[in-house]
Amino acid sequence: MNLDHLNGKTFLIVDDDSFNIQLIKTMLEKLANVKVVSTDKGSEALTVLKVCGEYIDMVLLDLQMPEMKGEDVLDAIRGEMQSDIPVLIISVNGLEEKELKEKGANDFVLKPFELDDLKTKIMKYLPKEN
């Protein structure tokens, strides 16, 4: 599958675990020549989106973070920011998947996941343009 259309896309990774950030960043960079912005705080993610959201193509959002829960970040993205940017929830707990999709999450990726799982979800929300 040719993923050249992802070249130059920018992903925002929000996860409080630096290992997870590096792992996801490495996976994304295997797919294409992408840019990655990351933070371990939900409030910083919202600042990034407010300041330069037009340059972010997708958010990869962990749920369990100490300072601000991923669900609260999602609420802010869809609520006060009124953004339709694709948001993939990345979590070890799939129990909240239906509720989070109702709140505006585009999709859910359960940890641990393989590169193909991530690629499939990304392609669904950042398809090749004709």
N, C-alpha and C. Protein backbone atom coordinates (compact mmCIF):
# COMPACT_ATOMS: atom_id res chain seq x y z
N MET A 1 0.84 -1.18 0.00
CA MET A 1 0.00 0.00 0.00
C MET A 1 0.89 1.24 0.00
N ASN A 2 0.68 2.13 -0.95
CA ASN A 2 1.46 3.34 -1.07
C ASN A 2 0.91 4.40 -0.11
N LEU A 3 1.77 4.89 0.75
CA LEU A 3 1.36 5.88 1.75
C LEU A 3 2.01 7.24 1.52
N ASP A 4 2.46 7.48 0.30
CA ASP A 4 3.14 8.74 -0.01
C ASP A 4 2.28 9.96 0.30
N HIS A 5 0.96 9.82 0.23
CA HIS A 5 0.08 10.96 0.50
C HIS A 5 0.15 11.41 1.95
N LEU A 6 0.75 10.58 2.82
CA LEU A 6 0.94 10.98 4.22
C LEU A 6 2.18 11.83 4.43
N ASN A 7 3.07 11.87 3.42
CA ASN A 7 4.28 12.67 3.54
C ASN A 7 3.92 14.12 3.87
N GLY A 8 4.56 14.66 4.89
CA GLY A 8 4.33 16.04 5.29
C GLY A 8 3.17 16.22 6.26
N LYS A 9 2.39 15.18 6.51
CA LYS A 9 1.29 15.28 7.48
C LYS A 9 1.89 15.42 8.88
N THR A 10 1.15 16.10 9.75
CA THR A 10 1.61 16.32 11.13
C THR A 10 0.67 15.65 12.11
N PHE A 11 1.25 14.87 13.01
CA PHE A 11 0.50 14.16 14.03
C PHE A 11 0.86 14.71 15.40
N LEU A 12 -0.15 14.87 16.23
CA LEU A 12 0.04 15.29 17.61
C LEU A 12 -0.20 14.08 18.50
N ILE A 13 0.85 13.65 19.22
CA ILE A 13 0.74 12.52 20.15
C ILE A 13 0.63 13.10 21.56
N VAL A 14 -0.41 12.66 22.29
CA VAL A 14 -0.62 13.12 23.65
C VAL A 14 -0.63 11.88 24.55
N ASP A 15 0.44 11.71 25.32
CA ASP A 15 0.58 10.53 26.18
C ASP A 15 1.56 10.89 27.29
N ASP A 16 1.25 10.48 28.51
CA ASP A 16 2.12 10.82 29.63
C ASP A 16 3.31 9.88 29.76
N ASP A 17 3.38 8.86 28.92
CA ASP A 17 4.48 7.89 28.96
C ASP A 17 5.43 8.16 27.80
N SER A 18 6.64 8.60 28.10
CA SER A 18 7.61 8.95 27.05
C SER A 18 7.96 7.76 26.17
N PHE A 19 7.94 6.55 26.73
CA PHE A 19 8.21 5.35 25.92
C PHE A 19 7.12 5.19 24.86
N ASN A 20 5.86 5.37 25.26
CA ASN A 20 4.76 5.25 24.30
C ASN A 20 4.85 6.31 23.21
N ILE A 21 5.21 7.52 23.60
CA ILE A 21 5.37 8.58 22.60
C ILE A 21 6.43 8.18 21.58
N GLN A 22 7.57 7.72 22.06
CA GLN A 22 8.65 7.34 21.14
C GLN A 22 8.25 6.16 20.25
N LEU A 23 7.54 5.19 20.83
CA LEU A 23 7.10 4.02 20.07
C LEU A 23 6.13 4.44 18.95
N ILE A 24 5.16 5.26 19.29
CA ILE A 24 4.19 5.71 18.29
C ILE A 24 4.86 6.57 17.23
N LYS A 25 5.77 7.44 17.65
CA LYS A 25 6.52 8.29 16.72
C LYS A 25 7.29 7.42 15.73
N THR A 26 7.97 6.40 16.24
CA THR A 26 8.73 5.50 15.38
C THR A 26 7.82 4.79 14.39
N MET A 27 6.66 4.34 14.87
CA MET A 27 5.71 3.67 13.98
C MET A 27 5.23 4.61 12.88
N LEU A 28 4.88 5.84 13.25
CA LEU A 28 4.41 6.81 12.26
C LEU A 28 5.49 7.08 11.21
N GLU A 29 6.73 7.22 11.66
CA GLU A 29 7.83 7.51 10.74
C GLU A 29 8.14 6.34 9.82
N LYS A 30 7.71 5.14 10.18
CA LYS A 30 7.86 3.98 9.28
C LYS A 30 6.84 4.03 8.16
N LEU A 31 5.73 4.71 8.40
CA LEU A 31 4.68 4.79 7.39
C LEU A 31 5.02 5.76 6.27
N ALA A 32 5.55 6.91 6.64
CA ALA A 32 5.82 7.97 5.65
C ALA A 32 6.71 9.02 6.30
N ASN A 33 7.05 10.02 5.52
CA ASN A 33 7.85 11.14 6.01
C ASN A 33 6.92 12.14 6.70
N VAL A 34 6.54 11.81 7.93
CA VAL A 34 5.58 12.63 8.66
C VAL A 34 6.28 13.48 9.71
N LYS A 35 5.55 14.49 10.20
CA LYS A 35 6.04 15.31 11.30
C LYS A 35 5.28 14.88 12.55
N VAL A 36 5.97 14.87 13.67
CA VAL A 36 5.34 14.48 14.92
C VAL A 36 5.60 15.55 15.97
N VAL A 37 4.51 15.98 16.60
CA VAL A 37 4.56 16.88 17.73
C VAL A 37 4.03 16.06 18.89
N SER A 38 4.65 16.18 20.07
CA SER A 38 4.17 15.38 21.19
C SER A 38 4.19 16.17 22.48
N THR A 39 3.34 15.74 23.40
CA THR A 39 3.30 16.32 24.73
C THR A 39 2.80 15.27 25.70
N ASP A 40 3.17 15.44 26.95
CA ASP A 40 2.71 14.51 27.97
C ASP A 40 1.60 15.13 28.82
N LYS A 41 1.09 16.28 28.38
CA LYS A 41 0.04 16.97 29.15
C LYS A 41 -1.12 17.36 28.23
N GLY A 42 -2.32 17.07 28.70
CA GLY A 42 -3.51 17.43 27.93
C GLY A 42 -3.65 18.92 27.70
N SER A 43 -3.32 19.71 28.73
CA SER A 43 -3.44 21.17 28.60
C SER A 43 -2.49 21.70 27.53
N GLU A 44 -1.29 21.12 27.44
CA GLU A 44 -0.34 21.54 26.39
C GLU A 44 -0.86 21.14 25.01
N ALA A 45 -1.50 19.99 24.91
CA ALA A 45 -2.06 19.57 23.63
C ALA A 45 -3.11 20.58 23.16
N LEU A 46 -3.94 21.04 24.08
CA LEU A 46 -4.96 22.03 23.72
C LEU A 46 -4.32 23.35 23.28
N THR A 47 -3.24 23.74 23.93
CA THR A 47 -2.52 24.95 23.54
C THR A 47 -1.96 24.81 22.13
N VAL A 48 -1.34 23.65 21.85
CA VAL A 48 -0.81 23.40 20.51
C VAL A 48 -1.92 23.51 19.48
N LEU A 49 -3.07 22.91 19.77
CA LEU A 49 -4.18 22.94 18.82
C LEU A 49 -4.75 24.35 18.65
N LYS A 50 -4.77 25.11 19.71
CA LYS A 50 -5.28 26.50 19.61
C LYS A 50 -4.34 27.37 18.80
N VAL A 51 -3.04 27.18 19.00
CA VAL A 51 -2.05 28.04 18.36
C VAL A 51 -1.79 27.63 16.91
N CYS A 52 -1.68 26.33 16.66
CA CYS A 52 -1.33 25.90 15.30
C CYS A 52 -2.13 24.68 14.86
N GLY A 53 -3.39 24.62 15.26
CA GLY A 53 -4.24 23.49 14.94
C GLY A 53 -4.42 23.24 13.45
N GLU A 54 -4.34 24.31 12.65
CA GLU A 54 -4.53 24.12 11.21
C GLU A 54 -3.40 23.31 10.58
N TYR A 55 -2.29 23.15 11.31
CA TYR A 55 -1.17 22.38 10.79
C TYR A 55 -1.16 20.94 11.30
N ILE A 56 -2.06 20.61 12.23
CA ILE A 56 -2.13 19.26 12.78
C ILE A 56 -3.17 18.47 11.99
N ASP A 57 -2.77 17.31 11.48
CA ASP A 57 -3.68 16.50 10.67
C ASP A 57 -4.42 15.44 11.46
N MET A 58 -3.84 15.01 12.60
CA MET A 58 -4.48 13.98 13.41
C MET A 58 -3.92 14.03 14.82
N VAL A 59 -4.79 13.72 15.81
CA VAL A 59 -4.38 13.64 17.20
C VAL A 59 -4.46 12.18 17.64
N LEU A 60 -3.39 11.70 18.27
CA LEU A 60 -3.35 10.37 18.87
C LEU A 60 -3.34 10.60 20.38
N LEU A 61 -4.43 10.24 21.05
CA LEU A 61 -4.69 10.68 22.41
C LEU A 61 -4.82 9.53 23.39
N ASP A 62 -3.96 9.53 24.40
CA ASP A 62 -4.05 8.56 25.49
C ASP A 62 -5.16 9.03 26.43
N LEU A 63 -5.80 8.09 27.11
CA LEU A 63 -6.87 8.45 28.05
C LEU A 63 -6.37 8.71 29.45
N GLN A 64 -5.47 7.87 29.93
CA GLN A 64 -5.04 7.93 31.33
C GLN A 64 -3.81 8.81 31.48
N MET A 65 -4.06 10.06 31.84
CA MET A 65 -2.98 10.99 32.09
C MET A 65 -3.26 11.69 33.42
N PRO A 66 -2.22 12.00 34.18
CA PRO A 66 -2.44 12.53 35.53
C PRO A 66 -2.99 13.95 35.59
N GLU A 67 -2.53 14.82 34.73
CA GLU A 67 -2.86 16.24 34.85
C GLU A 67 -4.23 16.56 34.25
N MET A 68 -4.55 15.96 33.13
CA MET A 68 -5.84 16.18 32.46
C MET A 68 -6.16 14.92 31.69
N LYS A 69 -7.27 14.31 31.98
CA LYS A 69 -7.66 13.06 31.33
C LYS A 69 -7.88 13.26 29.83
N GLY A 70 -7.59 12.22 29.07
CA GLY A 70 -7.80 12.28 27.63
C GLY A 70 -9.23 12.60 27.25
N GLU A 71 -10.18 12.09 28.04
CA GLU A 71 -11.59 12.37 27.78
C GLU A 71 -11.88 13.87 27.88
N ASP A 72 -11.23 14.55 28.82
CA ASP A 72 -11.41 15.99 28.96
C ASP A 72 -10.79 16.75 27.79
N VAL A 73 -9.67 16.24 27.30
CA VAL A 73 -9.03 16.84 26.12
C VAL A 73 -9.96 16.70 24.92
N LEU A 74 -10.52 15.50 24.75
CA LEU A 74 -11.46 15.26 23.65
C LEU A 74 -12.66 16.20 23.75
N ASP A 75 -13.21 16.34 24.95
CA ASP A 75 -14.35 17.24 25.17
C ASP A 75 -14.00 18.67 24.74
N ALA A 76 -12.80 19.12 25.07
CA ALA A 76 -12.38 20.47 24.71
C ALA A 76 -12.19 20.62 23.20
N ILE A 77 -11.62 19.60 22.57
CA ILE A 77 -11.41 19.65 21.11
C ILE A 77 -12.74 19.75 20.39
N ARG A 78 -13.68 18.92 20.79
CA ARG A 78 -14.98 18.88 20.10
C ARG A 78 -15.93 19.99 20.59
N GLY A 79 -15.77 20.40 21.85
CA GLY A 79 -16.66 21.39 22.43
C GLY A 79 -16.20 22.81 22.18
N GLU A 80 -15.38 23.32 23.09
CA GLU A 80 -15.00 24.74 23.01
C GLU A 80 -14.21 25.07 21.75
N MET A 81 -13.41 24.13 21.24
CA MET A 81 -12.61 24.43 20.04
C MET A 81 -13.40 24.19 18.75
N GLN A 82 -14.47 23.42 18.84
CA GLN A 82 -15.29 23.13 17.66
C GLN A 82 -14.46 22.57 16.51
N SER A 83 -13.48 21.73 16.83
CA SER A 83 -12.58 21.19 15.82
C SER A 83 -13.07 19.82 15.35
N ASP A 84 -12.92 19.58 14.05
CA ASP A 84 -13.27 18.27 13.50
C ASP A 84 -12.02 17.46 13.14
N ILE A 85 -10.87 17.86 13.68
CA ILE A 85 -9.63 17.13 13.44
C ILE A 85 -9.82 15.67 13.87
N PRO A 86 -9.32 14.71 13.09
CA PRO A 86 -9.46 13.31 13.49
C PRO A 86 -8.72 13.04 14.81
N VAL A 87 -9.40 12.37 15.74
CA VAL A 87 -8.82 12.01 17.03
C VAL A 87 -8.91 10.50 17.20
N LEU A 88 -7.74 9.86 17.32
CA LEU A 88 -7.68 8.44 17.63
C LEU A 88 -7.34 8.29 19.10
N ILE A 89 -8.19 7.59 19.83
CA ILE A 89 -7.91 7.30 21.23
C ILE A 89 -7.02 6.08 21.28
N ILE A 90 -5.93 6.17 22.04
CA ILE A 90 -5.01 5.04 22.21
C ILE A 90 -5.01 4.70 23.69
N SER A 91 -5.52 3.50 24.00
CA SER A 91 -5.69 3.15 25.41
C SER A 91 -5.59 1.64 25.63
N VAL A 92 -5.32 1.27 26.87
CA VAL A 92 -5.32 -0.16 27.23
C VAL A 92 -6.72 -0.62 27.58
N ASN A 93 -7.65 0.30 27.75
CA ASN A 93 -9.00 -0.03 28.18
C ASN A 93 -10.00 0.30 27.08
N GLY A 94 -10.62 -0.72 26.52
CA GLY A 94 -11.60 -0.52 25.46
C GLY A 94 -13.02 -0.39 25.97
N LEU A 95 -13.20 -0.38 27.29
CA LEU A 95 -14.54 -0.35 27.85
C LEU A 95 -15.29 0.93 27.55
N GLU A 96 -14.57 2.02 27.34
CA GLU A 96 -15.19 3.32 27.11
C GLU A 96 -15.33 3.66 25.64
N GLU A 97 -15.03 2.71 24.75
CA GLU A 97 -14.98 3.02 23.32
C GLU A 97 -16.29 3.62 22.80
N LYS A 98 -17.42 3.01 23.09
CA LYS A 98 -18.70 3.50 22.58
C LYS A 98 -18.98 4.92 23.10
N GLU A 99 -18.78 5.13 24.38
CA GLU A 99 -19.02 6.44 24.99
C GLU A 99 -18.13 7.52 24.37
N LEU A 100 -16.85 7.17 24.15
CA LEU A 100 -15.92 8.15 23.60
C LEU A 100 -16.23 8.46 22.14
N LYS A 101 -16.70 7.47 21.39
CA LYS A 101 -17.10 7.74 20.01
C LYS A 101 -18.32 8.66 19.99
N GLU A 102 -19.22 8.47 20.94
CA GLU A 102 -20.38 9.36 21.03
C GLU A 102 -19.96 10.79 21.37
N LYS A 103 -18.83 10.94 22.09
CA LYS A 103 -18.33 12.27 22.45
C LYS A 103 -17.50 12.89 21.33
N GLY A 104 -17.24 12.13 20.27
CA GLY A 104 -16.54 12.71 19.14
C GLY A 104 -15.23 12.08 18.75
N ALA A 105 -14.79 11.04 19.48
CA ALA A 105 -13.57 10.35 19.05
C ALA A 105 -13.85 9.66 17.72
N ASN A 106 -12.91 9.74 16.80
CA ASN A 106 -13.11 9.08 15.52
C ASN A 106 -12.96 7.58 15.62
N ASP A 107 -11.98 7.15 16.40
CA ASP A 107 -11.75 5.71 16.50
C ASP A 107 -10.92 5.40 17.73
N PHE A 108 -10.64 4.13 17.90
CA PHE A 108 -10.01 3.61 19.11
C PHE A 108 -8.93 2.61 18.69
N VAL A 109 -7.76 2.71 19.29
CA VAL A 109 -6.69 1.73 19.08
C VAL A 109 -6.30 1.21 20.46
N LEU A 110 -6.42 -0.09 20.64
CA LEU A 110 -6.10 -0.69 21.94
C LEU A 110 -4.63 -1.03 22.04
N LYS A 111 -4.00 -0.64 23.15
CA LYS A 111 -2.61 -1.01 23.44
C LYS A 111 -2.61 -2.43 23.97
N PRO A 112 -1.63 -3.23 23.67
CA PRO A 112 -0.58 -2.98 22.67
C PRO A 112 -1.14 -3.19 21.27
N PHE A 113 -0.57 -2.49 20.32
CA PHE A 113 -1.05 -2.59 18.94
C PHE A 113 0.13 -2.73 18.00
N GLU A 114 -0.17 -3.21 16.82
CA GLU A 114 0.83 -3.39 15.78
C GLU A 114 0.79 -2.21 14.81
N LEU A 115 1.83 -2.05 14.04
CA LEU A 115 1.91 -0.98 13.06
C LEU A 115 0.73 -1.06 12.08
N ASP A 116 0.35 -2.27 11.67
CA ASP A 116 -0.77 -2.41 10.73
C ASP A 116 -2.08 -1.90 11.32
N ASP A 117 -2.28 -2.11 12.63
CA ASP A 117 -3.49 -1.59 13.29
C ASP A 117 -3.54 -0.07 13.18
N LEU A 118 -2.42 0.55 13.51
CA LEU A 118 -2.34 2.00 13.45
C LEU A 118 -2.51 2.50 12.02
N LYS A 119 -1.85 1.85 11.08
CA LYS A 119 -1.92 2.24 9.67
C LYS A 119 -3.37 2.18 9.17
N THR A 120 -4.09 1.13 9.51
CA THR A 120 -5.48 0.98 9.07
C THR A 120 -6.34 2.13 9.57
N LYS A 121 -6.18 2.50 10.83
CA LYS A 121 -6.97 3.59 11.40
C LYS A 121 -6.60 4.93 10.77
N ILE A 122 -5.31 5.17 10.57
CA ILE A 122 -4.87 6.42 9.96
C ILE A 122 -5.42 6.54 8.55
N MET A 123 -5.34 5.45 7.79
CA MET A 123 -5.81 5.47 6.40
C MET A 123 -7.32 5.73 6.33
N LYS A 124 -8.05 5.29 7.34
CA LYS A 124 -9.50 5.50 7.37
C LYS A 124 -9.84 6.99 7.49
N TYR A 125 -9.02 7.74 8.22
CA TYR A 125 -9.32 9.15 8.47
C TYR A 125 -8.45 10.14 7.71
N LEU A 126 -7.38 9.63 7.12
CA LEU A 126 -6.54 10.45 6.25
C LEU A 126 -6.36 9.69 4.93
N PRO A 127 -7.45 9.49 4.21
CA PRO A 127 -7.37 8.68 2.98
C PRO A 127 -6.61 9.38 1.88
N LYS A 128 -6.20 8.60 0.91
CA LYS A 128 -5.54 9.16 -0.26
C LYS A 128 -6.56 10.00 -1.01
N GLU A 129 -6.18 11.22 -1.33
CA GLU A 129 -7.09 12.11 -2.06
C GLU A 129 -6.97 11.83 -3.54
N ASN A 130 -8.11 11.80 -4.20
CA ASN A 130 -8.11 11.50 -5.66
C ASN A 130 -7.90 12.73 -6.48
